[in-house]
Protein backbone atom coordinates (compact mmCIF):
# COMPACT_ATOMS: atom_id res chain seq x y z
CA UNK A 1 0.00 0.00 0.00
CA UNK A 2 1.47 3.39 -0.93
CA UNK A 3 1.39 6.49 1.25
CA UNK A 4 -1.51 7.96 -0.71
CA UNK A 5 -3.64 4.83 -0.13
CA UNK A 6 -3.22 4.76 3.66
CA UNK A 7 -6.20 5.65 5.79
CA UNK A 8 -6.08 9.20 7.17
CA UNK A 9 -4.81 9.43 10.73
CA UNK A 10 -7.62 9.90 13.25
CA UNK A 11 -7.34 12.72 15.73
CA UNK A 12 -8.48 12.53 19.33
CA UNK A 13 -11.08 14.97 20.62
CA UNK A 14 -10.28 17.22 23.62
CA UNK A 15 -12.30 15.05 26.01
CA UNK A 16 -10.18 12.04 25.06
CA UNK A 17 -7.04 13.96 26.00
CA UNK A 18 -8.51 14.97 29.36
CA UNK A 19 -9.81 11.47 30.11
CA UNK A 20 -6.55 9.80 29.18
CA UNK A 21 -4.50 12.30 31.17
CA UNK A 22 -6.62 11.83 34.30
CA UNK A 23 -6.65 8.03 33.94
CA UNK A 24 -2.87 7.99 33.55
CA UNK A 25 -2.46 10.29 36.57
CA UNK A 26 -4.41 7.85 38.74
CA UNK A 27 -2.67 4.82 37.18
CA UNK A 28 -5.82 3.23 35.74
CA UNK A 29 -5.21 3.78 32.00
CA UNK A 30 -6.24 0.73 29.97
CA UNK A 31 -3.74 -0.68 27.49
CA UNK A 32 -6.29 -0.27 24.68
CA UNK A 33 -6.62 3.47 25.37
CA UNK A 34 -2.86 3.84 25.85
CA UNK A 35 -2.22 2.29 22.42
CA UNK A 36 -4.89 4.56 20.88
CA UNK A 37 -3.25 7.59 22.48
CA UNK A 38 0.19 6.70 21.11
CA UNK A 39 -1.17 6.05 17.62
CA UNK A 40 -3.66 8.90 17.23
CA UNK A 41 -2.66 11.53 19.81
CA UNK A 42 -0.09 14.29 19.80
CA UNK A 43 2.42 14.50 22.64
CA UNK A 44 2.12 18.27 22.99
CA UNK A 45 -1.62 17.96 23.67
CA UNK A 46 -1.02 15.43 26.46
CA UNK A 47 1.77 17.58 27.94
CA UNK A 48 -0.40 20.71 27.90
CA UNK A 49 -3.35 18.83 29.40
CA UNK A 50 -1.11 17.43 32.14
CA UNK A 51 0.28 20.84 33.01
CA UNK A 52 -3.19 22.38 33.13
CA UNK A 53 -4.50 19.51 35.29
CA UNK A 54 -1.54 19.88 37.67
CA UNK A 55 -2.03 23.64 38.01
CA UNK A 56 -5.75 23.16 38.70
CA UNK A 57 -5.04 20.43 41.27
CA UNK A 58 -2.42 22.46 43.14
CA UNK A 59 -4.62 25.57 43.02
CA UNK A 60 -7.59 23.60 44.32
CA UNK A 61 -5.54 22.15 47.19
CA UNK A 62 -4.25 25.61 48.05
CA UNK A 63 -7.77 27.05 48.17
CA UNK A 64 -9.06 24.10 50.19
CA UNK A 65 -6.30 24.42 52.81
CA UNK A 66 -6.77 28.20 52.93
CA UNK A 67 -10.52 27.76 53.47
CA UNK A 68 -10.00 25.20 56.23
CA UNK A 69 -7.39 27.29 58.02
CA UNK A 70 -9.48 30.46 57.79
CA UNK A 71 -12.48 28.66 59.33
CA UNK A 72 -10.35 27.10 62.10
CA UNK A 73 -9.64 30.49 63.71
PDB file of N, CA and C in Angstrom:
ATOM      1  N   UNK A   1       0.851  -1.181   0.000  1.00  0.00           N
ATOM      2  CA  UNK A   1       0.000   0.000   0.000  1.00  0.00           C
ATOM      3  C   UNK A   1       0.894   1.240   0.000  1.00  0.00           C
ATOM      4  N   UNK A   2       0.663   2.176  -0.870  1.00  0.00           N
ATOM      5  CA  UNK A   2       1.473   3.392  -0.928  1.00  0.00           C
ATOM      6  C   UNK A   2       0.976   4.402   0.110  1.00  0.00           C
ATOM      7  N   UNK A   3       1.756   5.458   0.269  1.00  0.00           N
ATOM      8  CA  UNK A   3       1.394   6.491   1.251  1.00  0.00           C
ATOM      9  C   UNK A   3       0.055   7.140   0.934  1.00  0.00           C
ATOM     10  N   UNK A   4      -0.264   7.291  -0.346  1.00  0.00           N
ATOM     11  CA  UNK A   4      -1.512   7.958  -0.710  1.00  0.00           C
ATOM     12  C   UNK A   4      -2.729   7.067  -0.482  1.00  0.00           C
ATOM     13  N   UNK A   5      -2.519   5.744  -0.339  1.00  0.00           N
ATOM     14  CA  UNK A   5      -3.639   4.829  -0.134  1.00  0.00           C
ATOM     15  C   UNK A   5      -3.899   4.535   1.341  1.00  0.00           C
ATOM     16  N   UNK A   6      -3.033   5.014   2.233  1.00  0.00           N
ATOM     17  CA  UNK A   6      -3.220   4.756   3.655  1.00  0.00           C
ATOM     18  C   UNK A   6      -4.411   5.546   4.172  1.00  0.00           C
ATOM     19  N   UNK A   7      -5.062   4.968   5.178  1.00  0.00           N
ATOM     20  CA  UNK A   7      -6.202   5.647   5.791  1.00  0.00           C
ATOM     21  C   UNK A   7      -5.712   6.909   6.499  1.00  0.00           C
ATOM     22  N   UNK A   8      -6.492   7.980   6.483  1.00  0.00           N
ATOM     23  CA  UNK A   8      -6.078   9.195   7.171  1.00  0.00           C
ATOM     24  C   UNK A   8      -5.982   8.947   8.679  1.00  0.00           C
ATOM     25  N   UNK A   9      -5.021   9.601   9.299  1.00  0.00           N
ATOM     26  CA  UNK A   9      -4.809   9.433  10.730  1.00  0.00           C
ATOM     27  C   UNK A   9      -5.943  10.103  11.507  1.00  0.00           C
ATOM     28  N   UNK A  10      -6.548   9.339  12.422  1.00  0.00           N
ATOM     29  CA  UNK A  10      -7.621   9.896  13.246  1.00  0.00           C
ATOM     30  C   UNK A  10      -7.016  10.813  14.294  1.00  0.00           C
ATOM     31  N   UNK A  11      -7.770  11.805  14.686  1.00  0.00           N
ATOM     32  CA  UNK A  11      -7.341  12.721  15.727  1.00  0.00           C
ATOM     33  C   UNK A  11      -8.258  12.545  16.934  1.00  0.00           C
ATOM     34  N   UNK A  12      -7.689  12.647  18.110  1.00  0.00           N
ATOM     35  CA  UNK A  12      -8.480  12.529  19.331  1.00  0.00           C
ATOM     36  C   UNK A  12      -9.201  13.844  19.604  1.00  0.00           C
ATOM     37  N   UNK A  13     -10.372  13.746  20.233  1.00  0.00           N
ATOM     38  CA  UNK A  13     -11.078  14.966  20.617  1.00  0.00           C
ATOM     39  C   UNK A  13     -10.559  15.435  21.977  1.00  0.00           C
ATOM     40  N   UNK A  14     -10.810  16.681  22.368  1.00  0.00           N
ATOM     41  CA  UNK A  14     -10.280  17.216  23.623  1.00  0.00           C
ATOM     42  C   UNK A  14     -10.681  16.404  24.853  1.00  0.00           C
ATOM     43  N   UNK A  15     -11.884  15.854  24.860  1.00  0.00           N
ATOM     44  CA  UNK A  15     -12.298  15.051  26.008  1.00  0.00           C
ATOM     45  C   UNK A  15     -11.468  13.779  26.133  1.00  0.00           C
ATOM     46  N   UNK A  16     -11.037  13.219  25.026  1.00  0.00           N
ATOM     47  CA  UNK A  16     -10.177  12.036  25.060  1.00  0.00           C
ATOM     48  C   UNK A  16      -8.836  12.366  25.699  1.00  0.00           C
ATOM     49  N   UNK A  17      -8.308  13.550  25.388  1.00  0.00           N
ATOM     50  CA  UNK A  17      -7.044  13.963  25.999  1.00  0.00           C
ATOM     51  C   UNK A  17      -7.198  14.119  27.508  1.00  0.00           C
ATOM     52  N   UNK A  18      -8.276  14.762  27.930  1.00  0.00           N
ATOM     53  CA  UNK A  18      -8.507  14.967  29.362  1.00  0.00           C
ATOM     54  C   UNK A  18      -8.714  13.626  30.068  1.00  0.00           C
ATOM     55  N   UNK A  19      -9.552  12.775  29.494  1.00  0.00           N
ATOM     56  CA  UNK A  19      -9.811  11.468  30.106  1.00  0.00           C
ATOM     57  C   UNK A  19      -8.564  10.617  30.206  1.00  0.00           C
ATOM     58  N   UNK A  20      -7.773  10.594  29.164  1.00  0.00           N
ATOM     59  CA  UNK A  20      -6.547   9.799  29.177  1.00  0.00           C
ATOM     60  C   UNK A  20      -5.528  10.356  30.166  1.00  0.00           C
ATOM     61  N   UNK A  21      -5.450  11.676  30.242  1.00  0.00           N
ATOM     62  CA  UNK A  21      -4.504  12.296  31.173  1.00  0.00           C
ATOM     63  C   UNK A  21      -4.891  12.002  32.618  1.00  0.00           C
ATOM     64  N   UNK A  22      -6.169  12.112  32.929  1.00  0.00           N
ATOM     65  CA  UNK A  22      -6.619  11.832  34.298  1.00  0.00           C
ATOM     66  C   UNK A  22      -6.472  10.349  34.646  1.00  0.00           C
ATOM     67  N   UNK A  23      -6.802   9.474  33.701  1.00  0.00           N
ATOM     68  CA  UNK A  23      -6.650   8.035  33.942  1.00  0.00           C
ATOM     69  C   UNK A  23      -5.187   7.676  34.162  1.00  0.00           C
ATOM     70  N   UNK A  24      -4.307   8.264  33.381  1.00  0.00           N
ATOM     71  CA  UNK A  24      -2.874   7.995  33.546  1.00  0.00           C
ATOM     72  C   UNK A  24      -2.366   8.544  34.883  1.00  0.00           C
ATOM     73  N   UNK A  25      -2.878   9.693  35.301  1.00  0.00           N
ATOM     74  CA  UNK A  25      -2.456  10.290  36.567  1.00  0.00           C
ATOM     75  C   UNK A  25      -2.832   9.398  37.752  1.00  0.00           C
ATOM     76  N   UNK A  26      -3.978   8.740  37.666  1.00  0.00           N
ATOM     77  CA  UNK A  26      -4.406   7.845  38.738  1.00  0.00           C
ATOM     78  C   UNK A  26      -3.899   6.424  38.554  1.00  0.00           C
ATOM     79  N   UNK A  27      -3.245   6.147  37.419  1.00  0.00           N
ATOM     80  CA  UNK A  27      -2.670   4.823  37.182  1.00  0.00           C
ATOM     81  C   UNK A  27      -3.673   3.781  36.750  1.00  0.00           C
ATOM     82  N   UNK A  28      -4.780   4.192  36.143  1.00  0.00           N
ATOM     83  CA  UNK A  28      -5.816   3.234  35.736  1.00  0.00           C
ATOM     84  C   UNK A  28      -6.053   3.252  34.225  1.00  0.00           C
ATOM     85  N   UNK A  29      -5.079   3.722  33.459  1.00  0.00           N
ATOM     86  CA  UNK A  29      -5.210   3.783  32.003  1.00  0.00           C
ATOM     87  C   UNK A  29      -5.216   2.369  31.419  1.00  0.00           C
ATOM     88  N   UNK A  30      -6.181   2.047  30.594  1.00  0.00           N
ATOM     89  CA  UNK A  30      -6.241   0.730  29.966  1.00  0.00           C
ATOM     90  C   UNK A  30      -5.212   0.658  28.835  1.00  0.00           C
ATOM     91  N   UNK A  31      -4.745  -0.532  28.553  1.00  0.00           N
ATOM     92  CA  UNK A  31      -3.740  -0.685  27.493  1.00  0.00           C
ATOM     93  C   UNK A  31      -4.335  -0.343  26.126  1.00  0.00           C
ATOM     94  N   UNK A  32      -5.624  -0.612  25.946  1.00  0.00           N
ATOM     95  CA  UNK A  32      -6.292  -0.266  24.680  1.00  0.00           C
ATOM     96  C   UNK A  32      -6.264   1.240  24.456  1.00  0.00           C
ATOM     97  N   UNK A  33      -6.616   2.013  25.489  1.00  0.00           N
ATOM     98  CA  UNK A  33      -6.615   3.470  25.368  1.00  0.00           C
ATOM     99  C   UNK A  33      -5.193   4.017  25.246  1.00  0.00           C
ATOM    100  N   UNK A  34      -4.248   3.400  25.937  1.00  0.00           N
ATOM    101  CA  UNK A  34      -2.859   3.840  25.847  1.00  0.00           C
ATOM    102  C   UNK A  34      -2.339   3.663  24.421  1.00  0.00           C
ATOM    103  N   UNK A  35      -2.641   2.532  23.811  1.00  0.00           N
ATOM    104  CA  UNK A  35      -2.223   2.290  22.425  1.00  0.00           C
ATOM    105  C   UNK A  35      -2.886   3.289  21.471  1.00  0.00           C
ATOM    106  N   UNK A  36      -4.172   3.573  21.708  1.00  0.00           N
ATOM    107  CA  UNK A  36      -4.887   4.556  20.885  1.00  0.00           C
ATOM    108  C   UNK A  36      -4.232   5.933  21.009  1.00  0.00           C
ATOM    109  N   UNK A  37      -3.867   6.286  22.246  1.00  0.00           N
ATOM    110  CA  UNK A  37      -3.246   7.587  22.476  1.00  0.00           C
ATOM    111  C   UNK A  37      -1.918   7.708  21.743  1.00  0.00           C
ATOM    112  N   UNK A  38      -1.101   6.644  21.773  1.00  0.00           N
ATOM    113  CA  UNK A  38       0.195   6.695  21.105  1.00  0.00           C
ATOM    114  C   UNK A  38       0.048   6.721  19.589  1.00  0.00           C
ATOM    115  N   UNK A  39      -0.977   6.090  19.062  1.00  0.00           N
ATOM    116  CA  UNK A  39      -1.172   6.050  17.622  1.00  0.00           C
ATOM    117  C   UNK A  39      -1.822   7.318  17.086  1.00  0.00           C
ATOM    118  N   UNK A  40      -2.838   7.814  17.768  1.00  0.00           N
ATOM    119  CA  UNK A  40      -3.657   8.904  17.232  1.00  0.00           C
ATOM    120  C   UNK A  40      -3.424  10.256  17.898  1.00  0.00           C
ATOM    121  N   UNK A  41      -2.809  10.273  19.075  1.00  0.00           N
ATOM    122  CA  UNK A  41      -2.663  11.525  19.809  1.00  0.00           C
ATOM    123  C   UNK A  41      -1.363  12.242  19.506  1.00  0.00           C
ATOM    124  N   UNK A  42      -1.299  13.485  19.945  1.00  0.00           N
ATOM    125  CA  UNK A  42      -0.094  14.292  19.803  1.00  0.00           C
ATOM    126  C   UNK A  42       0.466  14.549  21.195  1.00  0.00           C
ATOM    127  N   UNK A  43       1.769  14.369  21.332  1.00  0.00           N
ATOM    128  CA  UNK A  43       2.416  14.496  22.640  1.00  0.00           C
ATOM    129  C   UNK A  43       2.189  15.867  23.255  1.00  0.00           C
ATOM    130  N   UNK A  44       2.265  16.911  22.459  1.00  0.00           N
ATOM    131  CA  UNK A  44       2.120  18.266  22.989  1.00  0.00           C
ATOM    132  C   UNK A  44       0.748  18.477  23.621  1.00  0.00           C
ATOM    133  N   UNK A  45      -0.276  17.830  23.085  1.00  0.00           N
ATOM    134  CA  UNK A  45      -1.619  17.961  23.672  1.00  0.00           C
ATOM    135  C   UNK A  45      -1.685  17.281  25.041  1.00  0.00           C
ATOM    136  N   UNK A  46      -1.035  16.118  25.169  1.00  0.00           N
ATOM    137  CA  UNK A  46      -1.018  15.433  26.465  1.00  0.00           C
ATOM    138  C   UNK A  46      -0.187  16.216  27.479  1.00  0.00           C
ATOM    139  N   UNK A  47       0.922  16.791  27.037  1.00  0.00           N
ATOM    140  CA  UNK A  47       1.767  17.582  27.941  1.00  0.00           C
ATOM    141  C   UNK A  47       1.013  18.808  28.431  1.00  0.00           C
ATOM    142  N   UNK A  48       0.359  19.519  27.518  1.00  0.00           N
ATOM    143  CA  UNK A  48      -0.400  20.710  27.904  1.00  0.00           C
ATOM    144  C   UNK A  48      -1.550  20.350  28.843  1.00  0.00           C
ATOM    145  N   UNK A  49      -2.250  19.265  28.546  1.00  0.00           N
ATOM    146  CA  UNK A  49      -3.354  18.834  29.403  1.00  0.00           C
ATOM    147  C   UNK A  49      -2.845  18.464  30.790  1.00  0.00           C
ATOM    148  N   UNK A  50      -1.701  17.795  30.847  1.00  0.00           N
ATOM    149  CA  UNK A  50      -1.112  17.426  32.135  1.00  0.00           C
ATOM    150  C   UNK A  50      -0.705  18.630  32.955  1.00  0.00           C
ATOM    151  N   UNK A  51      -0.124  19.625  32.297  1.00  0.00           N
ATOM    152  CA  UNK A  51       0.281  20.844  33.007  1.00  0.00           C
ATOM    153  C   UNK A  51      -0.941  21.586  33.532  1.00  0.00           C
ATOM    154  N   UNK A  52      -1.957  21.702  32.710  1.00  0.00           N
ATOM    155  CA  UNK A  52      -3.192  22.382  33.133  1.00  0.00           C
ATOM    156  C   UNK A  52      -3.842  21.638  34.298  1.00  0.00           C
ATOM    157  N   UNK A  53      -3.902  20.306  34.214  1.00  0.00           N
ATOM    158  CA  UNK A  53      -4.496  19.508  35.294  1.00  0.00           C
ATOM    159  C   UNK A  53      -3.700  19.669  36.590  1.00  0.00           C
ATOM    160  N   UNK A  54      -2.383  19.717  36.491  1.00  0.00           N
ATOM    161  CA  UNK A  54      -1.539  19.882  37.673  1.00  0.00           C
ATOM    162  C   UNK A  54      -1.750  21.245  38.315  1.00  0.00           C
ATOM    163  N   UNK A  55      -1.811  22.294  37.489  1.00  0.00           N
ATOM    164  CA  UNK A  55      -2.031  23.641  38.012  1.00  0.00           C
ATOM    165  C   UNK A  55      -3.399  23.733  38.695  1.00  0.00           C
ATOM    166  N   UNK A  56      -4.418  23.153  38.083  1.00  0.00           N
ATOM    167  CA  UNK A  56      -5.753  23.163  38.696  1.00  0.00           C
ATOM    168  C   UNK A  56      -5.774  22.373  40.003  1.00  0.00           C
ATOM    169  N   UNK A  57      -5.085  21.247  40.043  1.00  0.00           N
ATOM    170  CA  UNK A  57      -5.040  20.430  41.267  1.00  0.00           C
ATOM    171  C   UNK A  57      -4.333  21.178  42.398  1.00  0.00           C
ATOM    172  N   UNK A  58      -3.174  21.727  42.108  1.00  0.00           N
ATOM    173  CA  UNK A  58      -2.420  22.462  43.137  1.00  0.00           C
ATOM    174  C   UNK A  58      -3.208  23.690  43.588  1.00  0.00           C
ATOM    175  N   UNK A  59      -3.804  24.417  42.656  1.00  0.00           N
ATOM    176  CA  UNK A  59      -4.618  25.574  43.021  1.00  0.00           C
ATOM    177  C   UNK A  59      -5.815  25.187  43.872  1.00  0.00           C
ATOM    178  N   UNK A  60      -6.463  24.083  43.532  1.00  0.00           N
ATOM    179  CA  UNK A  60      -7.593  23.596  44.321  1.00  0.00           C
ATOM    180  C   UNK A  60      -7.185  23.199  45.730  1.00  0.00           C
ATOM    181  N   UNK A  61      -6.040  22.534  45.856  1.00  0.00           N
ATOM    182  CA  UNK A  61      -5.545  22.151  47.187  1.00  0.00           C
ATOM    183  C   UNK A  61      -5.196  23.385  48.012  1.00  0.00           C
ATOM    184  N   UNK A  62      -4.584  24.366  47.363  1.00  0.00           N
ATOM    185  CA  UNK A  62      -4.247  25.612  48.051  1.00  0.00           C
ATOM    186  C   UNK A  62      -5.505  26.290  48.589  1.00  0.00           C
ATOM    187  N   UNK A  63      -6.523  26.404  47.733  1.00  0.00           N
ATOM    188  CA  UNK A  63      -7.773  27.053  48.168  1.00  0.00           C
ATOM    189  C   UNK A  63      -8.467  26.265  49.268  1.00  0.00           C
ATOM    190  N   UNK A  64      -8.443  24.936  49.158  1.00  0.00           N
ATOM    191  CA  UNK A  64      -9.064  24.104  50.191  1.00  0.00           C
ATOM    192  C   UNK A  64      -8.369  24.278  51.543  1.00  0.00           C
ATOM    193  N   UNK A  65      -7.055  24.241  51.547  1.00  0.00           N
ATOM    194  CA  UNK A  65      -6.305  24.422  52.806  1.00  0.00           C
ATOM    195  C   UNK A  65      -6.534  25.824  53.357  1.00  0.00           C
ATOM    196  N   UNK A  66      -6.529  26.815  52.492  1.00  0.00           N
ATOM    197  CA  UNK A  66      -6.765  28.202  52.933  1.00  0.00           C
ATOM    198  C   UNK A  66      -8.159  28.332  53.553  1.00  0.00           C
ATOM    199  N   UNK A  67      -9.157  27.723  52.945  1.00  0.00           N
ATOM    200  CA  UNK A  67     -10.525  27.759  53.469  1.00  0.00           C
ATOM    201  C   UNK A  67     -10.593  27.085  54.835  1.00  0.00           C
ATOM    202  N   UNK A  68      -9.971  25.935  54.950  1.00  0.00           N
ATOM    203  CA  UNK A  68      -9.998  25.198  56.225  1.00  0.00           C
ATOM    204  C   UNK A  68      -9.294  25.988  57.315  1.00  0.00           C
ATOM    205  N   UNK A  69      -8.123  26.541  57.016  1.00  0.00           N
ATOM    206  CA  UNK A  69      -7.389  27.291  58.016  1.00  0.00           C
ATOM    207  C   UNK A  69      -8.096  28.584  58.405  1.00  0.00           C
ATOM    208  N   UNK A  70      -8.740  29.234  57.465  1.00  0.00           N
ATOM    209  CA  UNK A  70      -9.483  30.460  57.790  1.00  0.00           C
ATOM    210  C   UNK A  70     -10.686  30.162  58.683  1.00  0.00           C
ATOM    211  N   UNK A  71     -11.313  29.024  58.502  1.00  0.00           N
ATOM    212  CA  UNK A  71     -12.478  28.663  59.326  1.00  0.00           C
ATOM    213  C   UNK A  71     -12.076  28.061  60.664  1.00  0.00           C
ATOM    214  N   UNK A  72     -10.818  27.701  60.853  1.00  0.00           N
ATOM    215  CA  UNK A  72     -10.351  27.104  62.100  1.00  0.00           C
ATOM    216  C   UNK A  72     -10.069  28.179  63.142  1.00  0.00           C
ATOM    217  N   UNK A  73      -9.979  29.404  62.753  1.00  0.00           N
ATOM    218  CA  UNK A  73      -9.638  30.489  63.710  1.00  0.00           C
ATOM    219  C   UNK A  73     -10.807  30.954  64.484  1.00  0.00           C
TER     220      UNK A  73
END
